[in-house]
Amino acid sequence: MSKRVLTTESGAPVADNQNSATAGVGGPLLLQDQHLLEKLARFNRERIPERVVHARGSGAYGYFEVTDDVTGFTKADFLSEVGKKTELFIRFSTVADSLGGADAVRDPRGFAVKFYTEEGNYDLVGNNTPVFFIKDPIKFPDFIHSQKRDPFTGKQEADNVWDFWAHAPEATHQITWLMGDRGIPASYRHMNGYGSHTYQWTNEAGEAFFVKYHFKTNQGIRSLSADQAAELVGKDANSHQTDLLQAIERGVSPSWTLYVQVMPAAEAAEYRFNPFDLTKVWPHADYPLQRVGRMVLDRNPDNVFAEVEQAAFSPNNFVPGIGPSPDKMLQGRLFAYADAHRYRLGVNHTQLPVNAPKAVLGGAAENYGRDGAMATRNGSRYDKNYEPNSYQGPAQTETPLSAPLAIHGWTGTHAAPQHTKDDDFFQAGELYRLMSEEEKSRLIANIAGGLSQVSREDVIEKNLAHFAAADAEYGKRVEEAVRALRED
């Protein structure tokens, strides 16, 4: 076997990788040392801007296998027959902290799945909670700013966190989730995942359905108390990454069973609350879970930077049979995610191996995107970059991805459409009342621990009013716990 030769990026052999070129022994460095300059310049540019949210993440490859017939609801090819398998990549993440943050913290977890289907990549970008803090994307930058490090103190501040929540009563449901027992998963393997948003499925007959996705962990739910999490962070800040990596390396392939809730499209307008409100769940009694298949993770990335940090998920990556709903937060994400990746990774990020469609006919995307930073597509000299053309270039189909949505009304800034039971608190109260006494006590302690640190009394009062509106006992117990802590 011939010895591999170290080269520069242009392919020239490197004669000395241990000593820089100098003007005489011990003299100053020479600007002509191309290998030194190239090495330092590349090192300076090895990092890309981290994600504004979901910066801290872990990923793995695997497959999705259909176990149940859902062709009555969707014509998506990767769901078209029982037993069909589709390769996938998943990225788990925390939300608020930076790339250097710890894994075992109280924070929602990102749950983003990229299916490499024969009809193109389908990205399902969700969380480990079925709801979120807000229902309109215009609030999202402000929400994230309130959760991030304060510009003066350089750390997350209770004043900012709870002040935003005081002005966002719709957050009460998600706060109850986050501050409850599932707020700190023991590992990525031991938590559920949710599409969170409402999506549209369309079958071969053109019938439309609205769906919600539920990935139920087959390892069982395991969570950490605040004390357990603090101890774990002290031992291994990368605990969730370590657990996922080692489990797959041992051959223990974590898996999730995918279920969906299905609502006929015609029922949405008259449902008792807005079914496209991201701060609410659909009761299972109304729309029971229907099994679809299972997701299995069986291969770790070879390079975390190339495959996890550069992985790009966009909720607008749909395939025929699956499309968006009028969910305002989803509509905002259809733009924001792809735009964030074009900023972080460049306009040609879809050509990176982890993001490129690999199962489509021909093994590559067929479009007229050309040029830009890091363009790697090399076609024939006769290829054109416009459409239509007379040179057998790719042409449009006549089949839309999803069914059309009927739109009516005046343009303008509107609150969500009113349904008979649209308020911000009733589901938070229902969740509280489902908890055991021990779960309630831990929830109250977690909320009080944060809210008691707030400096403004009016902010505390507004938040207490939200909990009381959800459930009178809930509000009273939080108030008592906060007062007791503030008196100490």
Protein backbone atom coordinates (compact mmCIF):
# COMPACT_ATOMS: atom_id res chain seq x y z
CA MET A 1 0.00 0.00 0.00
CA SER A 2 1.51 3.35 -1.07
CA LYS A 3 2.09 6.03 1.57
CA ARG A 4 -0.48 8.84 1.57
CA VAL A 5 1.09 12.25 0.92
CA LEU A 6 -0.03 15.38 2.78
CA THR A 7 -0.90 18.16 0.33
CA THR A 8 -2.08 21.73 0.30
CA GLU A 9 -5.68 22.41 -0.70
CA SER A 10 -4.52 22.89 -4.27
CA GLY A 11 -2.91 19.44 -4.20
CA ALA A 12 0.77 20.37 -3.91
CA PRO A 13 2.83 18.10 -1.61
CA VAL A 14 3.75 19.51 1.82
CA ALA A 15 7.44 19.06 2.57
CA ASP A 16 7.38 20.22 6.22
CA ASN A 17 4.26 20.40 8.40
CA GLN A 18 6.20 21.00 11.62
CA ASN A 19 8.27 24.11 10.87
CA SER A 20 7.23 27.41 9.29
CA ALA A 21 9.44 29.04 6.64
CA THR A 22 11.65 31.78 8.10
CA ALA A 23 14.26 34.26 6.94
CA GLY A 24 17.25 32.35 8.27
CA VAL A 25 17.44 30.20 11.39
CA GLY A 26 15.36 31.92 14.07
CA GLY A 27 14.38 34.73 11.70
CA PRO A 28 10.91 36.21 11.06
CA LEU A 29 8.31 34.24 9.13
CA LEU A 30 7.98 34.55 5.38
CA LEU A 31 4.77 35.70 3.74
CA GLN A 32 5.51 33.28 0.91
CA ASP A 33 4.90 30.22 3.13
CA GLN A 34 1.66 29.26 1.38
CA HIS A 35 1.04 26.18 3.54
CA LEU A 36 1.28 28.19 6.78
CA LEU A 37 -1.01 30.96 5.53
CA GLU A 38 -3.54 28.50 4.13
CA LYS A 39 -3.56 26.50 7.37
CA LEU A 40 -4.08 29.57 9.59
CA ALA A 41 -6.65 31.15 7.28
CA ARG A 42 -8.69 27.95 7.18
CA PHE A 43 -8.47 27.59 10.96
CA ASN A 44 -9.84 31.12 11.37
CA ARG A 45 -12.86 30.14 9.29
CA GLU A 46 -13.60 26.66 10.65
CA ARG A 47 -16.67 27.73 12.56
CA ILE A 48 -19.88 29.01 11.03
CA PRO A 49 -22.47 31.16 12.83
CA GLU A 50 -24.28 28.99 15.33
CA ARG A 51 -28.03 28.64 15.13
CA VAL A 52 -29.87 31.45 16.88
CA VAL A 53 -32.07 28.75 18.46
CA HIS A 54 -31.47 25.00 18.74
CA ALA A 55 -27.70 25.62 18.66
CA ARG A 56 -26.78 22.69 20.90
CA GLY A 57 -27.65 19.44 19.15
CA SER A 58 -26.93 15.78 18.47
CA GLY A 59 -27.82 13.66 15.45
CA ALA A 60 -28.05 10.13 14.10
CA TYR A 61 -29.05 8.21 10.98
CA GLY A 62 -31.65 5.49 10.76
CA TYR A 63 -34.77 4.45 8.92
CA PHE A 64 -38.53 4.71 9.06
CA GLU A 65 -40.63 1.59 8.43
CA VAL A 66 -44.36 1.71 7.66
CA THR A 67 -46.33 -0.69 9.85
CA ASP A 68 -49.93 0.38 9.11
CA ASP A 69 -51.88 1.37 6.02
CA VAL A 70 -52.47 5.16 5.87
CA THR A 71 -53.08 5.44 2.13
CA GLY A 72 -56.67 6.49 2.84
CA PHE A 73 -55.25 9.74 4.22
CA THR A 74 -52.12 10.51 2.18
CA LYS A 75 -50.59 9.71 -1.19
CA ALA A 76 -47.03 10.28 0.12
CA ASP A 77 -44.97 7.55 -1.53
CA PHE A 78 -42.77 6.79 1.49
CA LEU A 79 -45.97 5.94 3.41
CA SER A 80 -47.56 4.01 0.54
CA GLU A 81 -47.15 0.40 1.67
CA VAL A 82 -46.67 -1.59 4.84
CA GLY A 83 -43.05 -2.69 5.20
CA LYS A 84 -41.57 0.15 3.14
CA LYS A 85 -38.38 1.61 4.65
CA THR A 86 -36.99 5.11 4.15
CA GLU A 87 -33.57 6.35 5.26
CA LEU A 88 -33.61 9.33 7.62
CA PHE A 89 -31.47 11.67 9.69
CA ILE A 90 -32.59 13.17 12.99
CA ARG A 91 -31.27 16.09 15.00
CA PHE A 92 -32.14 16.52 18.68
CA SER A 93 -31.40 19.84 20.35
CA THR A 94 -31.98 22.23 23.21
CA VAL A 95 -33.60 25.55 22.32
CA ALA A 96 -32.39 28.57 24.28
CA ASP A 97 -28.72 28.05 25.10
CA SER A 98 -25.64 28.40 22.91
CA LEU A 99 -23.55 25.71 21.24
CA GLY A 100 -21.44 25.40 24.38
CA GLY A 101 -24.41 24.92 26.70
CA ALA A 102 -25.17 21.79 28.73
CA ASP A 103 -27.57 19.05 27.65
CA ALA A 104 -29.39 18.31 30.92
CA VAL A 105 -31.21 21.63 31.34
CA ARG A 106 -34.86 22.61 31.65
CA ASP A 107 -35.68 23.54 28.08
CA PRO A 108 -37.83 22.20 25.24
CA ARG A 109 -36.00 19.80 22.92
CA GLY A 110 -35.93 20.08 19.16
CA PHE A 111 -36.97 16.89 17.33
CA ALA A 112 -36.19 17.37 13.61
CA VAL A 113 -36.43 14.46 11.15
CA LYS A 114 -35.25 14.46 7.54
CA PHE A 115 -36.77 11.63 5.47
CA TYR A 116 -34.74 10.91 2.30
CA THR A 117 -37.75 9.86 0.22
CA GLU A 118 -37.91 8.93 -3.46
CA GLU A 119 -39.97 12.08 -4.05
CA GLY A 120 -37.44 14.38 -2.38
CA ASN A 121 -36.51 15.19 1.20
CA TYR A 122 -39.35 15.61 3.67
CA ASP A 123 -38.45 17.56 6.81
CA LEU A 124 -40.61 17.27 9.92
CA VAL A 125 -39.36 19.88 12.37
CA GLY A 126 -40.92 19.54 15.81
CA ASN A 127 -40.21 19.44 19.54
CA ASN A 128 -40.55 17.07 22.48
CA THR A 129 -43.67 18.99 23.53
CA PRO A 130 -46.96 18.99 21.62
CA VAL A 131 -47.49 22.74 22.18
CA PHE A 132 -45.44 25.95 22.18
CA PHE A 133 -45.30 29.28 24.03
CA ILE A 134 -46.82 31.51 21.34
CA LYS A 135 -49.23 31.22 18.43
CA ASP A 136 -48.06 34.00 16.08
CA PRO A 137 -44.56 34.18 14.51
CA ILE A 138 -44.37 37.96 14.85
CA LYS A 139 -43.78 37.34 18.58
CA PHE A 140 -41.01 34.79 18.04
CA PRO A 141 -37.93 37.08 17.93
CA ASP A 142 -39.10 38.85 21.10
CA PHE A 143 -39.76 35.54 22.83
CA ILE A 144 -36.30 34.21 22.02
CA HIS A 145 -34.63 37.47 23.05
CA SER A 146 -36.35 37.17 26.44
CA GLN A 147 -34.98 33.64 26.93
CA LYS A 148 -31.43 34.32 25.71
CA ARG A 149 -28.54 35.88 27.60
CA ASP A 150 -29.21 39.43 28.77
CA PRO A 151 -27.15 42.03 26.86
CA PHE A 152 -25.89 43.57 30.13
CA THR A 153 -25.41 40.61 32.50
CA GLY A 154 -24.50 38.07 29.82
CA LYS A 155 -26.74 35.38 31.34
CA GLN A 156 -30.36 34.33 31.26
CA GLU A 157 -32.39 36.55 33.56
CA ALA A 158 -35.60 35.59 35.37
CA ASP A 159 -36.82 39.17 34.94
CA ASN A 160 -36.74 38.85 31.15
CA VAL A 161 -38.12 35.31 30.99
CA TRP A 162 -41.12 35.93 33.22
CA ASP A 163 -41.76 39.45 31.95
CA PHE A 164 -42.35 38.12 28.46
CA TRP A 165 -44.56 35.33 29.80
CA ALA A 166 -46.51 37.90 31.83
CA HIS A 167 -47.43 39.53 28.51
CA ALA A 168 -48.13 36.22 26.74
CA PRO A 169 -51.03 34.47 28.51
CA GLU A 170 -51.11 31.84 25.75
CA ALA A 171 -47.75 30.56 27.10
CA THR A 172 -49.38 29.16 30.26
CA HIS A 173 -49.98 25.72 28.74
CA GLN A 174 -46.37 25.28 27.58
CA ILE A 175 -45.01 26.66 30.86
CA THR A 176 -46.98 23.95 32.67
CA TRP A 177 -45.35 21.35 30.40
CA LEU A 178 -41.86 22.81 30.74
CA MET A 179 -41.94 23.20 34.52
CA GLY A 180 -43.44 19.74 34.99
CA ASP A 181 -41.67 16.40 35.28
CA ARG A 182 -40.91 16.11 31.56
CA GLY A 183 -39.11 19.47 31.45
CA ILE A 184 -35.66 17.81 31.71
CA PRO A 185 -35.47 14.53 29.74
CA ALA A 186 -32.97 11.99 31.06
CA SER A 187 -31.72 11.52 27.50
CA TYR A 188 -32.82 12.06 23.93
CA ARG A 189 -33.73 8.37 23.78
CA HIS A 190 -36.18 8.67 26.66
CA MET A 191 -38.50 11.41 25.39
CA ASN A 192 -41.35 11.65 22.90
CA GLY A 193 -41.28 13.82 19.80
CA TYR A 194 -44.13 15.79 18.26
CA GLY A 195 -44.70 17.55 14.96
CA SER A 196 -46.45 20.09 17.25
CA HIS A 197 -47.96 21.98 14.30
CA THR A 198 -51.00 20.88 12.34
CA TYR A 199 -50.18 19.63 8.82
CA GLN A 200 -52.30 18.71 5.83
CA TRP A 201 -52.40 15.24 4.27
CA THR A 202 -53.99 14.63 0.85
CA ASN A 203 -54.91 11.22 -0.55
CA GLU A 204 -55.04 10.03 -4.17
CA ALA A 205 -58.66 11.09 -4.46
CA GLY A 206 -57.74 14.67 -3.52
CA GLU A 207 -59.42 14.49 -0.10
CA ALA A 208 -57.75 16.67 2.53
CA PHE A 209 -57.12 15.86 6.20
CA PHE A 210 -55.38 17.77 8.96
CA VAL A 211 -52.93 15.74 11.06
CA LYS A 212 -50.73 15.98 14.13
CA TYR A 213 -47.64 13.76 14.54
CA HIS A 214 -46.70 11.89 17.74
CA PHE A 215 -43.42 9.94 18.04
CA LYS A 216 -43.73 7.76 21.16
CA THR A 217 -40.41 6.55 22.56
CA ASN A 218 -40.11 2.77 22.82
CA GLN A 219 -37.47 3.15 25.54
CA GLY A 220 -40.02 4.63 27.94
CA ILE A 221 -40.23 8.16 29.31
CA ARG A 222 -37.44 9.04 31.75
CA SER A 223 -36.86 12.50 33.17
CA LEU A 224 -34.61 14.21 35.69
CA SER A 225 -35.39 16.35 38.71
CA ALA A 226 -33.64 19.71 38.95
CA ASP A 227 -31.17 18.29 41.48
CA GLN A 228 -30.43 15.21 39.37
CA ALA A 229 -29.89 17.38 36.31
CA ALA A 230 -27.49 19.71 38.15
CA GLU A 231 -25.45 16.73 39.33
CA LEU A 232 -25.36 15.26 35.82
CA VAL A 233 -24.28 18.56 34.23
CA GLY A 234 -21.40 18.69 36.72
CA LYS A 235 -20.25 15.23 35.66
CA ASP A 236 -20.85 15.50 31.90
CA ALA A 237 -22.21 18.64 30.25
CA ASN A 238 -22.58 16.56 27.06
CA SER A 239 -24.65 13.86 28.77
CA HIS A 240 -27.33 13.49 26.08
CA GLN A 241 -24.78 13.42 23.27
CA THR A 242 -22.75 10.82 25.19
CA ASP A 243 -25.80 8.65 25.81
CA LEU A 244 -27.02 8.69 22.19
CA LEU A 245 -23.55 8.10 20.74
CA GLN A 246 -22.69 5.23 23.07
CA ALA A 247 -26.08 3.52 22.77
CA ILE A 248 -25.86 3.35 18.97
CA GLU A 249 -22.20 2.31 19.07
CA ARG A 250 -23.18 -0.57 21.38
CA GLY A 251 -25.78 -1.68 18.87
CA VAL A 252 -28.68 -0.54 21.04
CA SER A 253 -30.80 1.13 18.38
CA PRO A 254 -33.31 3.55 19.93
CA SER A 255 -36.73 3.61 18.31
CA TRP A 256 -39.99 5.52 18.32
CA THR A 257 -43.48 4.54 17.15
CA LEU A 258 -45.15 7.17 14.99
CA TYR A 259 -48.85 7.88 15.49
CA VAL A 260 -51.01 10.56 13.92
CA GLN A 261 -54.25 12.25 14.85
CA VAL A 262 -56.42 12.77 11.77
CA MET A 263 -59.11 15.44 11.41
CA PRO A 264 -61.19 15.60 8.20
CA ALA A 265 -60.55 19.06 6.76
CA ALA A 266 -64.24 19.95 6.75
CA GLU A 267 -64.41 19.67 10.57
CA ALA A 268 -61.76 22.32 11.26
CA ALA A 269 -63.94 25.41 10.83
CA GLU A 270 -66.54 24.29 13.37
CA TYR A 271 -64.24 22.68 15.94
CA ARG A 272 -64.74 24.08 19.43
CA PHE A 273 -61.31 25.77 19.48
CA ASN A 274 -58.93 26.80 16.73
CA PRO A 275 -57.28 23.51 15.62
CA PHE A 276 -54.36 25.45 14.13
CA ASP A 277 -53.40 27.08 17.44
CA LEU A 278 -49.92 25.82 18.40
CA THR A 279 -50.60 26.44 22.10
CA LYS A 280 -53.29 23.74 22.18
CA VAL A 281 -53.51 19.96 21.75
CA TRP A 282 -56.30 17.96 20.13
CA PRO A 283 -57.98 15.73 22.73
CA HIS A 284 -57.44 12.05 21.94
CA ALA A 285 -61.09 11.41 22.71
CA ASP A 286 -61.97 13.52 19.66
CA TYR A 287 -59.16 12.34 17.40
CA PRO A 288 -57.53 9.12 18.64
CA LEU A 289 -53.96 8.15 17.81
CA GLN A 290 -53.56 6.03 14.69
CA ARG A 291 -50.33 4.08 14.26
CA VAL A 292 -48.23 4.71 11.14
CA GLY A 293 -44.82 3.07 11.64
CA ARG A 294 -41.59 3.07 13.57
CA MET A 295 -38.40 5.10 13.47
CA VAL A 296 -35.11 3.36 14.29
CA LEU A 297 -31.70 5.03 14.77
CA ASP A 298 -28.78 2.74 13.98
CA ARG A 299 -25.80 4.82 12.77
CA ASN A 300 -23.83 7.69 14.24
CA PRO A 301 -22.46 10.49 12.04
CA ASP A 302 -18.79 10.19 11.16
CA ASN A 303 -18.24 13.94 11.53
CA VAL A 304 -20.39 15.97 13.92
CA PHE A 305 -19.61 19.31 12.29
CA ALA A 306 -20.27 18.18 8.72
CA GLU A 307 -23.37 16.16 9.49
CA VAL A 308 -24.98 17.63 12.63
CA GLU A 309 -23.87 21.26 12.70
CA GLN A 310 -24.41 21.63 8.94
CA ALA A 311 -27.68 19.69 8.85
CA ALA A 312 -30.42 22.01 7.63
CA PHE A 313 -34.10 21.30 8.22
CA SER A 314 -36.90 23.35 6.67
CA PRO A 315 -40.61 22.82 7.39
CA ASN A 316 -41.34 23.81 3.77
CA ASN A 317 -39.58 20.69 2.48
CA PHE A 318 -42.75 18.74 1.64
CA VAL A 319 -43.47 15.80 -0.66
CA PRO A 320 -46.64 15.05 -2.66
CA GLY A 321 -49.44 14.19 -0.25
CA ILE A 322 -48.16 16.36 2.62
CA GLY A 323 -48.48 20.13 2.95
CA PRO A 324 -48.97 23.04 5.36
CA SER A 325 -52.02 24.14 7.31
CA PRO A 326 -53.16 27.68 8.25
CA ASP A 327 -51.19 27.35 11.52
CA LYS A 328 -49.66 30.85 11.83
CA MET A 329 -46.49 29.63 13.54
CA LEU A 330 -45.96 27.00 10.86
CA GLN A 331 -46.53 29.57 8.13
CA GLY A 332 -43.82 31.78 9.64
CA ARG A 333 -41.39 28.87 9.92
CA LEU A 334 -41.87 27.99 6.25
CA PHE A 335 -39.83 31.11 5.48
CA ALA A 336 -37.64 31.53 8.55
CA TYR A 337 -35.90 28.15 8.62
CA ALA A 338 -34.75 28.05 5.02
CA ASP A 339 -33.66 31.68 5.24
CA ALA A 340 -31.61 30.97 8.38
CA HIS A 341 -29.77 28.16 6.58
CA ARG A 342 -29.01 30.33 3.58
CA TYR A 343 -27.40 32.79 5.99
CA ARG A 344 -25.51 30.25 8.09
CA LEU A 345 -24.45 27.77 5.40
CA GLY A 346 -24.89 29.58 2.09
CA VAL A 347 -27.35 29.37 -0.75
CA ASN A 348 -25.95 25.97 -1.82
CA HIS A 349 -26.32 24.25 1.55
CA THR A 350 -28.75 21.76 0.01
CA GLN A 351 -25.80 20.27 -1.91
CA LEU A 352 -24.05 19.21 1.32
CA PRO A 353 -24.25 15.40 1.69
CA VAL A 354 -26.39 15.46 4.85
CA ASN A 355 -28.93 17.79 3.19
CA ALA A 356 -28.89 16.54 -0.40
CA PRO A 357 -31.78 14.38 -1.64
CA LYS A 358 -30.32 10.94 -2.20
CA ALA A 359 -33.29 8.66 -2.93
CA VAL A 360 -34.87 10.61 -5.79
CA LEU A 361 -34.68 9.31 -9.36
CA GLY A 362 -31.23 10.21 -10.68
CA GLY A 363 -29.88 10.66 -7.15
CA ALA A 364 -29.95 14.46 -7.19
CA ALA A 365 -32.29 17.43 -7.24
CA GLU A 366 -33.35 18.65 -10.69
CA ASN A 367 -33.69 22.44 -10.80
CA TYR A 368 -32.14 25.56 -12.24
CA GLY A 369 -30.35 26.79 -9.13
CA ARG A 370 -26.86 27.76 -10.20
CA ASP A 371 -23.82 29.67 -8.97
CA GLY A 372 -23.49 31.32 -5.57
CA ALA A 373 -20.92 30.57 -2.88
CA MET A 374 -19.70 26.95 -2.86
CA ALA A 375 -21.59 25.95 -6.00
CA THR A 376 -20.61 22.36 -6.76
CA ARG A 377 -23.11 21.33 -9.42
CA ASN A 378 -21.34 20.41 -12.64
CA GLY A 379 -23.73 19.74 -15.48
CA SER A 380 -23.29 19.38 -19.20
CA ARG A 381 -22.03 22.33 -21.24
CA TYR A 382 -25.45 22.30 -22.89
CA ASP A 383 -27.40 22.65 -19.64
CA LYS A 384 -29.51 25.80 -19.40
CA ASN A 385 -30.31 27.82 -16.31
CA TYR A 386 -33.75 28.99 -17.33
CA GLU A 387 -37.15 27.35 -17.81
CA PRO A 388 -38.97 26.60 -19.99
CA ASN A 389 -36.34 25.68 -22.58
CA SER A 390 -35.97 23.58 -25.73
CA TYR A 391 -33.11 21.40 -24.42
CA GLN A 392 -34.88 18.69 -22.41
CA GLY A 393 -34.32 20.48 -19.13
CA PRO A 394 -36.44 19.54 -16.10
CA ALA A 395 -40.03 20.71 -16.46
CA GLN A 396 -42.90 21.28 -14.07
CA THR A 397 -45.51 18.67 -13.25
CA GLU A 398 -49.24 19.29 -13.21
CA THR A 399 -49.82 17.75 -9.77
CA PRO A 400 -49.78 19.99 -6.65
CA LEU A 401 -48.14 18.69 -3.48
CA SER A 402 -51.27 19.15 -1.39
CA ALA A 403 -54.93 20.05 -1.63
CA PRO A 404 -55.90 23.73 -2.02
CA LEU A 405 -57.09 25.70 0.97
CA ALA A 406 -60.13 27.97 0.67
CA ILE A 407 -59.22 31.55 1.67
CA HIS A 408 -61.62 34.43 2.23
CA GLY A 409 -61.76 37.74 4.09
CA TRP A 410 -60.04 41.10 4.16
CA THR A 411 -56.28 41.55 4.29
CA GLY A 412 -54.88 43.04 7.48
CA THR A 413 -53.50 42.07 10.87
CA HIS A 414 -56.05 39.80 12.51
CA ALA A 415 -56.28 37.84 15.72
CA ALA A 416 -56.95 34.13 15.28
CA PRO A 417 -60.45 33.13 14.13
CA GLN A 418 -62.87 32.75 16.99
CA HIS A 419 -64.20 29.33 17.98
CA THR A 420 -66.61 28.52 20.79
CA LYS A 421 -63.86 27.65 23.29
CA ASP A 422 -60.88 29.84 22.45
CA ASP A 423 -59.08 30.91 25.59
CA ASP A 424 -55.46 30.69 26.67
CA PHE A 425 -55.87 28.82 29.93
CA PHE A 426 -58.28 25.89 29.88
CA GLN A 427 -55.82 23.30 28.53
CA ALA A 428 -53.17 24.34 31.05
CA GLY A 429 -55.77 23.71 33.75
CA GLU A 430 -56.68 20.33 32.28
CA LEU A 431 -53.01 19.33 32.23
CA TYR A 432 -52.56 20.40 35.84
CA ARG A 433 -55.59 18.39 36.96
CA LEU A 434 -54.23 15.27 35.24
CA MET A 435 -51.15 15.32 37.47
CA SER A 436 -50.69 13.32 40.65
CA GLU A 437 -50.16 15.20 43.90
CA GLU A 438 -46.42 14.51 43.73
CA GLU A 439 -46.25 15.83 40.15
CA LYS A 440 -48.17 18.95 41.13
CA SER A 441 -45.81 19.62 44.04
CA ARG A 442 -42.74 19.40 41.82
CA LEU A 443 -44.39 21.62 39.19
CA ILE A 444 -45.22 24.28 41.80
CA ALA A 445 -41.67 24.19 43.18
CA ASN A 446 -40.12 24.56 39.73
CA ILE A 447 -42.32 27.53 38.82
CA ALA A 448 -41.86 29.24 42.18
CA GLY A 449 -38.09 28.80 42.03
CA GLY A 450 -37.94 30.93 38.89
CA LEU A 451 -40.82 33.35 39.45
CA SER A 452 -39.64 34.25 42.96
CA GLN A 453 -36.42 35.67 41.47
CA VAL A 454 -38.30 38.33 39.49
CA SER A 455 -37.67 41.86 40.77
CA ARG A 456 -40.94 43.50 39.66
CA GLU A 457 -44.04 42.76 41.69
CA ASP A 458 -46.38 43.59 38.80
CA VAL A 459 -44.71 40.94 36.61
CA ILE A 460 -45.16 38.36 39.36
CA GLU A 461 -48.83 39.32 39.76
CA LYS A 462 -49.56 38.98 36.04
CA ASN A 463 -48.04 35.49 35.95
CA LEU A 464 -49.92 34.42 39.08
CA ALA A 465 -53.15 35.57 37.45
CA HIS A 466 -52.45 33.30 34.47
CA PHE A 467 -52.01 30.22 36.66
CA ALA A 468 -55.15 31.08 38.61
CA ALA A 469 -57.09 31.44 35.36
CA ALA A 470 -55.98 27.94 34.39
CA ASP A 471 -57.02 26.46 37.75
CA ALA A 472 -57.83 28.20 41.04
CA GLU A 473 -55.87 25.70 43.13
CA TYR A 474 -52.95 25.90 40.72
CA GLY A 475 -52.77 29.67 41.04
CA LYS A 476 -53.15 29.65 44.82
CA ARG A 477 -50.39 27.10 45.35
CA VAL A 478 -47.96 28.91 43.04
CA GLU A 479 -48.68 32.19 44.84
CA GLU A 480 -48.09 30.66 48.27
CA ALA A 481 -44.84 29.05 47.14
CA VAL A 482 -43.57 32.27 45.55
CA ARG A 483 -44.43 34.36 48.63
CA ALA A 484 -42.70 31.88 50.92
CA LEU A 485 -39.50 31.98 48.87
CA ARG A 486 -39.50 35.78 48.67
CA GLU A 487 -39.90 36.09 52.42
CA ASP A 488 -36.85 33.92 53.13
